[in-house]
Every structure is written in C-alpha cells, then in structure tokens.
C-alpha cells in the first residue's frame, strides 16, 4: 500500500521548519530557501510564499516515495508521518559523504532502517535520540524534534 503523509505529519514538519523567502546558508553551508528546500538553490535567490509551499510539498512527496520504496514492513500512519518528518530533516544519506535514514556515511544502512525492516519498532524508536547533533554540537531544537517524532512513531492508531 502506497502511503502519504497525513495532516498530523505535515503539521509536525511545519512546526519545525521556518519560512525564508530569500536563500540562506544552513549550518553545513548549503543554500536553502522556502521551508529548508536545498535543490538548485543559489545565493541571492528569492521566491514567493506560494512557491515555497509548492517546493515543500514536492520535497515531502520525495520523502514519501523514498519511504514507500525502502521500508519493507507495514507501518501505521503515525509511524509513517514520523519517518517522513525525520527523512525530510536528515535526508537519505550518501555513502562516503553524509549519514542519513537510508545510508550511513560508511555505506551501511542505518540502524533505524534495519530495525524498522525487522519489525523492531521499539528499537527503531530508540534510534531517534542519536540524531540530535548539528555537526558535533548537540542541538536543543533537534532534541525537541526527535522527541516529538519518536512520540508520534510510538503512538498507536485509534
């Protein structure tokens, strides 16, 4: 079954992403615009709010498609929403470059993905707490985000 983010998941992402109508460099020096959109963004770029929302929806759709392709077990909507938020924030990862939800910098799959695909959801939920650093610095905002994602991930559907 192909899943899509719910309003709850969308609101979770929006609660942590701020809008910037002018391009800016994030903590890694990558140019972003809108709601943390980073694809083909250049210095000095400006957009309208409607464009920012369209880019956000497109970025979320990419996360949805990725999750639908790499998660091998059924997820409830809360789990899916939490993972879309997580993936939106950390990315898929690229071997040799950057760790993310699908791949670690070492090229191995992430422990979170391994645990999810084994159906070990409690162990997978514990992994959220490791993704709280911006570089080597513990980020209070990432701690808060991961706590909310983990709570949603562990919430059973009504």
Protein backbone atom coordinates (compact mmCIF):
# COMPACT_ATOMS: atom_id res chain seq x y z
CA UNK A 1 0.00 0.00 0.00
CA UNK A 2 1.39 3.40 -1.01
CA UNK A 3 1.29 5.76 1.96
CA UNK A 4 1.15 9.54 2.01
CA UNK A 5 1.71 11.94 4.86
CA UNK A 6 -1.34 12.93 6.89
CA UNK A 7 -2.24 16.38 8.17
CA UNK A 8 -0.66 15.41 11.51
CA UNK A 9 2.66 14.64 9.83
CA UNK A 10 2.53 17.78 7.72
CA UNK A 11 1.85 19.88 10.83
CA UNK A 12 4.78 18.21 12.61
CA UNK A 13 7.15 19.22 9.82
CA UNK A 14 5.72 22.74 9.69
CA UNK A 15 6.18 23.14 13.45
CA UNK A 16 9.96 22.83 13.00
CA UNK A 17 10.58 24.42 9.61
CA UNK A 18 10.61 28.18 9.26
CA UNK A 19 9.89 30.06 6.04
CA UNK A 20 12.60 32.05 4.31
CA UNK A 21 11.70 33.77 1.05
CA UNK A 22 15.38 34.58 0.44
CA UNK A 23 18.13 32.00 0.10
CA UNK A 24 20.36 31.39 3.12
CA UNK A 25 23.16 29.03 4.04
CA UNK A 26 22.37 26.35 6.61
CA UNK A 27 24.81 25.17 9.28
CA UNK A 28 26.53 22.96 6.67
CA UNK A 29 26.99 25.84 4.23
CA UNK A 30 24.29 24.55 1.87
CA UNK A 31 21.99 27.11 0.26
CA UNK A 32 18.33 26.75 1.28
CA UNK A 33 15.14 28.63 0.53
CA UNK A 34 11.49 28.33 1.49
CA UNK A 35 11.00 25.58 4.06
CA UNK A 36 14.55 24.16 4.02
CA UNK A 37 14.48 23.38 0.29
CA UNK A 38 18.06 22.88 -0.94
CA UNK A 39 17.87 21.57 -4.51
CA UNK A 40 19.20 24.05 -7.12
CA UNK A 41 19.23 27.00 -4.70
CA UNK A 42 21.68 29.83 -5.31
CA UNK A 43 22.89 32.82 -3.33
CA UNK A 44 20.59 35.83 -3.63
CA UNK A 45 17.60 33.78 -4.82
CA UNK A 46 14.12 34.98 -3.85
CA UNK A 47 10.75 33.24 -4.08
CA UNK A 48 7.10 33.87 -3.23
CA UNK A 49 5.32 32.12 -0.35
CA UNK A 50 3.22 30.06 -2.77
CA UNK A 51 6.40 28.78 -4.44
CA UNK A 52 7.84 27.91 -1.03
CA UNK A 53 4.75 25.83 -0.22
CA UNK A 54 4.95 24.10 -3.61
CA UNK A 55 8.63 23.24 -3.02
CA UNK A 56 7.77 21.90 0.45
CA UNK A 57 5.04 19.67 -0.97
CA UNK A 58 7.43 18.41 -3.64
CA UNK A 59 10.15 17.68 -1.06
CA UNK A 60 7.63 15.81 1.12
CA UNK A 61 6.50 13.75 -1.88
CA UNK A 62 10.13 12.72 -2.46
CA UNK A 63 10.32 11.58 1.19
CA UNK A 64 7.04 9.67 0.85
CA UNK A 65 8.26 7.88 -2.27
CA UNK A 66 11.57 7.02 -0.65
CA UNK A 67 9.89 5.54 2.43
CA UNK A 68 7.41 3.60 0.34
CA UNK A 69 10.34 2.09 -1.58
CA UNK A 70 12.78 1.25 1.22
CA UNK A 71 10.54 0.24 4.14
CA UNK A 72 9.72 -3.43 3.74
CA UNK A 73 7.14 -3.82 6.52
CA UNK A 74 3.71 -2.27 7.06
CA UNK A 75 3.68 0.97 9.04
CA UNK A 76 0.76 2.68 10.71
CA UNK A 77 0.05 6.29 9.71
CA UNK A 78 1.74 7.72 12.80
CA UNK A 79 4.92 5.76 12.13
CA UNK A 80 4.91 6.86 8.51
CA UNK A 81 4.33 10.52 9.42
CA UNK A 82 7.16 10.50 11.97
CA UNK A 83 9.52 8.95 9.44
CA UNK A 84 8.61 11.48 6.73
CA UNK A 85 9.48 14.26 9.18
CA UNK A 86 12.73 12.52 10.11
CA UNK A 87 13.71 11.84 6.49
CA UNK A 88 12.80 15.40 5.49
CA UNK A 89 15.22 16.65 8.14
CA UNK A 90 18.17 14.23 7.90
CA UNK A 91 17.92 13.08 4.28
CA UNK A 92 18.58 9.63 2.85
CA UNK A 93 22.34 9.78 3.36
CA UNK A 94 25.09 9.22 0.83
CA UNK A 95 27.89 6.66 1.30
CA UNK A 96 31.22 8.38 1.78
CA UNK A 97 29.55 11.77 2.16
CA UNK A 98 26.79 12.02 4.78
CA UNK A 99 24.78 9.77 7.09
CA UNK A 100 21.01 9.67 6.73
CA UNK A 101 17.95 7.48 7.14
CA UNK A 102 18.76 5.01 4.36
CA UNK A 103 22.56 5.05 4.27
CA UNK A 104 25.23 5.92 6.77
CA UNK A 105 28.41 7.64 5.65
CA UNK A 106 30.07 4.20 5.91
CA UNK A 107 27.73 2.90 3.20
CA UNK A 108 25.83 0.65 5.61
CA UNK A 109 22.07 1.00 6.13
CA UNK A 110 21.07 2.99 9.21
CA UNK A 111 20.22 1.10 12.39
CA UNK A 112 16.81 2.76 12.33
CA UNK A 113 16.02 1.37 8.89
CA UNK A 114 17.41 -2.06 9.79
CA UNK A 115 15.24 -2.21 12.92
CA UNK A 116 12.13 -1.00 11.10
CA UNK A 117 12.54 -3.58 8.36
CA UNK A 118 12.89 -6.29 11.02
CA UNK A 119 9.68 -5.04 12.68
CA UNK A 120 11.63 -3.99 15.78
CA UNK A 121 9.76 -0.73 16.24
CA UNK A 122 10.83 -0.12 19.85
CA UNK A 123 14.50 -0.42 18.89
CA UNK A 124 13.87 1.75 15.83
CA UNK A 125 12.25 4.42 18.01
CA UNK A 126 15.32 4.47 20.25
CA UNK A 127 17.38 5.50 17.21
CA UNK A 128 15.68 8.91 17.01
CA UNK A 129 17.69 10.02 20.04
CA UNK A 130 21.01 9.59 18.21
CA UNK A 131 20.15 12.13 15.51
CA UNK A 132 20.37 15.27 17.65
CA UNK A 133 23.64 16.81 16.51
CA UNK A 134 24.45 19.61 14.10
CA UNK A 135 27.98 18.55 13.26
CA UNK A 136 29.44 17.69 16.66
CA UNK A 137 27.20 20.06 18.62
CA UNK A 138 24.10 18.79 20.44
CA UNK A 139 21.13 20.82 19.21
CA UNK A 140 18.27 21.57 21.61
CA UNK A 141 15.92 22.08 18.66
CA UNK A 142 16.84 18.66 17.22
CA UNK A 143 16.36 17.07 20.66
CA UNK A 144 12.83 18.51 20.72
CA UNK A 145 12.12 17.46 17.14
CA UNK A 146 13.33 13.89 17.71
CA UNK A 147 11.28 13.60 20.91
CA UNK A 148 8.14 14.60 19.00
CA UNK A 149 8.95 12.29 16.09
CA UNK A 150 9.64 9.38 18.45
CA UNK A 151 6.43 10.02 20.39
CA UNK A 152 4.39 10.07 17.18
CA UNK A 153 6.21 6.97 15.87
CA UNK A 154 5.26 5.04 19.02
CA UNK A 155 1.63 6.27 19.07
CA UNK A 156 -0.80 3.56 18.08
CA UNK A 157 -3.57 4.45 15.66
CA UNK A 158 -7.04 4.94 17.10
